[in-house]
Amino acid sequence: MKRRHFQQLLAAGSACLFLPTRAHAADGAAFPAAEALVRRLLGDAADRIRCEKTAGVTDAYTIDKDGGTLVLRGNSPVAIAAALNDWS
């Protein structure tokens, strides 16, 4: 019974991978999920961090500084989360 339930959950999760999301906005638009993660982990310090979307197929990120603002760039929310992890 548990195995069948797991298989159903796996199939449903896999189907969700192909649904359009807000994360696929135009280049330069921020990822709401990544911004929420930064806010959740860093609180008020998140005001000095900016998340930006970059183009690309494979996950990649960069960490940069713009004045007093830390800039995390990535092509997916996971890539930006990895950038945050690498920075911290």
C-alpha atoms as a PDB file:
ATOM      1  CA  MET A   1       0.000   0.000   0.000  1.00  0.00           C
ATOM      2  CA  LYS A   2       2.762   2.455   0.933  1.00  0.00           C
ATOM      3  CA  ARG A   3       4.684   1.660  -2.246  1.00  0.00           C
ATOM      4  CA  ARG A   4       1.645   2.383  -4.407  1.00  0.00           C
ATOM      5  CA  HIS A   5       1.071   5.697  -2.592  1.00  0.00           C
ATOM      6  CA  PHE A   6       4.718   6.629  -3.151  1.00  0.00           C
ATOM      7  CA  GLN A   7       4.442   5.817  -6.866  1.00  0.00           C
ATOM      8  CA  GLN A   8       1.344   8.005  -7.177  1.00  0.00           C
ATOM      9  CA  LEU A   9       3.093  10.897  -5.409  1.00  0.00           C
ATOM     10  CA  LEU A  10       6.127  10.488  -7.642  1.00  0.00           C
ATOM     11  CA  ALA A  11       3.989  10.536 -10.779  1.00  0.00           C
ATOM     12  CA  ALA A  12       2.104  13.636  -9.604  1.00  0.00           C
ATOM     13  CA  GLY A  13       5.341  15.424  -8.714  1.00  0.00           C
ATOM     14  CA  SER A  14       6.880  14.583 -12.075  1.00  0.00           C
ATOM     15  CA  ALA A  15       3.855  15.968 -13.887  1.00  0.00           C
ATOM     16  CA  CYS A  16       4.245  19.262 -12.005  1.00  0.00           C
ATOM     17  CA  LEU A  17       7.685  19.739 -13.506  1.00  0.00           C
ATOM     18  CA  PHE A  18       6.068  20.606 -16.828  1.00  0.00           C
ATOM     19  CA  LEU A  19       3.591  23.158 -15.517  1.00  0.00           C
ATOM     20  CA  PRO A  20       4.355  26.825 -16.251  1.00  0.00           C
ATOM     21  CA  THR A  21       5.344  28.831 -13.187  1.00  0.00           C
ATOM     22  CA  ARG A  22       6.178  32.420 -12.338  1.00  0.00           C
ATOM     23  CA  ALA A  23       9.822  31.357 -12.131  1.00  0.00           C
ATOM     24  CA  HIS A  24       9.982  31.312 -15.925  1.00  0.00           C
ATOM     25  CA  ALA A  25       9.576  35.061 -16.229  1.00  0.00           C
ATOM     26  CA  ALA A  26      11.655  37.301 -18.484  1.00  0.00           C
ATOM     27  CA  ASP A  27      15.411  37.472 -17.926  1.00  0.00           C
ATOM     28  CA  GLY A  28      16.400  39.651 -15.000  1.00  0.00           C
ATOM     29  CA  ALA A  29      13.126  39.016 -13.143  1.00  0.00           C
ATOM     30  CA  ALA A  30      13.558  37.720  -9.625  1.00  0.00           C
ATOM     31  CA  PHE A  31      12.422  34.292  -8.452  1.00  0.00           C
ATOM     32  CA  PRO A  32       9.768  34.704  -5.739  1.00  0.00           C
ATOM     33  CA  ALA A  33      10.717  31.370  -4.129  1.00  0.00           C
ATOM     34  CA  ALA A  34      14.400  32.287  -3.940  1.00  0.00           C
ATOM     35  CA  GLU A  35      13.605  35.717  -2.516  1.00  0.00           C
ATOM     36  CA  ALA A  36      11.344  34.111   0.100  1.00  0.00           C
ATOM     37  CA  LEU A  37      14.141  31.713   1.071  1.00  0.00           C
ATOM     38  CA  VAL A  38      16.614  34.576   1.504  1.00  0.00           C
ATOM     39  CA  ARG A  39      14.070  36.488   3.610  1.00  0.00           C
ATOM     40  CA  ARG A  40      13.254  33.432   5.721  1.00  0.00           C
ATOM     41  CA  LEU A  41      16.908  32.633   6.440  1.00  0.00           C
ATOM     42  CA  LEU A  42      18.333  36.131   6.844  1.00  0.00           C
ATOM     43  CA  GLY A  43      15.426  38.228   8.079  1.00  0.00           C
ATOM     44  CA  ASP A  44      16.059  41.979   7.828  1.00  0.00           C
ATOM     45  CA  ALA A  45      19.521  41.405   6.312  1.00  0.00           C
ATOM     46  CA  ALA A  46      17.697  40.241   3.160  1.00  0.00           C
ATOM     47  CA  ASP A  47      17.069  43.914   2.366  1.00  0.00           C
ATOM     48  CA  ARG A  48      20.728  44.093   1.294  1.00  0.00           C
ATOM     49  CA  ILE A  49      20.500  41.047  -1.018  1.00  0.00           C
ATOM     50  CA  ARG A  50      19.107  41.018  -4.563  1.00  0.00           C
ATOM     51  CA  CYS A  51      18.220  37.880  -6.530  1.00  0.00           C
ATOM     52  CA  GLU A  52      18.374  38.011 -10.314  1.00  0.00           C
ATOM     53  CA  LYS A  53      17.475  35.516 -13.016  1.00  0.00           C
ATOM     54  CA  THR A  54      20.010  34.616 -15.683  1.00  0.00           C
ATOM     55  CA  ALA A  55      19.598  32.671 -18.903  1.00  0.00           C
ATOM     56  CA  GLY A  56      20.850  29.123 -19.231  1.00  0.00           C
ATOM     57  CA  VAL A  57      19.801  25.519 -19.368  1.00  0.00           C
ATOM     58  CA  THR A  58      22.086  23.962 -16.762  1.00  0.00           C
ATOM     59  CA  ASP A  59      22.066  25.222 -13.178  1.00  0.00           C
ATOM     60  CA  ALA A  60      24.674  27.911 -12.669  1.00  0.00           C
ATOM     61  CA  TYR A  61      25.046  30.857 -10.323  1.00  0.00           C
ATOM     62  CA  THR A  62      27.236  33.863  -9.654  1.00  0.00           C
ATOM     63  CA  ILE A  63      27.792  35.922  -6.532  1.00  0.00           C
ATOM     64  CA  ASP A  64      28.498  39.600  -7.044  1.00  0.00           C
ATOM     65  CA  LYS A  65      28.438  42.900  -5.188  1.00  0.00           C
ATOM     66  CA  ASP A  66      26.773  46.123  -6.312  1.00  0.00           C
ATOM     67  CA  GLY A  67      27.713  48.853  -3.864  1.00  0.00           C
ATOM     68  CA  GLY A  68      26.445  47.615  -0.508  1.00  0.00           C
ATOM     69  CA  THR A  69      24.125  45.029  -2.049  1.00  0.00           C
ATOM     70  CA  LEU A  70      24.946  41.356  -2.456  1.00  0.00           C
ATOM     71  CA  VAL A  71      23.684  40.104  -5.837  1.00  0.00           C
ATOM     72  CA  LEU A  72      22.875  36.413  -6.252  1.00  0.00           C
ATOM     73  CA  ARG A  73      22.314  35.469  -9.885  1.00  0.00           C
ATOM     74  CA  GLY A  74      21.124  32.098 -11.117  1.00  0.00           C
ATOM     75  CA  ASN A  75      19.002  30.443 -13.760  1.00  0.00           C
ATOM     76  CA  SER A  76      16.700  28.717 -11.261  1.00  0.00           C
ATOM     77  CA  PRO A  77      15.580  29.104  -7.656  1.00  0.00           C
ATOM     78  CA  VAL A  78      17.765  26.108  -6.779  1.00  0.00           C
ATOM     79  CA  ALA A  79      20.818  27.792  -8.315  1.00  0.00           C
ATOM     80  CA  ILE A  80      20.158  30.943  -6.275  1.00  0.00           C
ATOM     81  CA  ALA A  81      19.754  28.824  -3.145  1.00  0.00           C
ATOM     82  CA  ALA A  82      23.132  27.230  -3.919  1.00  0.00           C
ATOM     83  CA  ALA A  83      24.646  30.707  -4.336  1.00  0.00           C
ATOM     84  CA  LEU A  84      23.268  31.723  -0.951  1.00  0.00           C
ATOM     85  CA  ASN A  85      24.679  28.556   0.600  1.00  0.00           C
ATOM     86  CA  ASP A  86      28.078  29.157  -1.005  1.00  0.00           C
ATOM     87  CA  TRP A  87      28.118  32.788   0.143  1.00  0.00           C
ATOM     88  CA  SER A  88      27.155  31.975   3.720  1.00  0.00           C
END
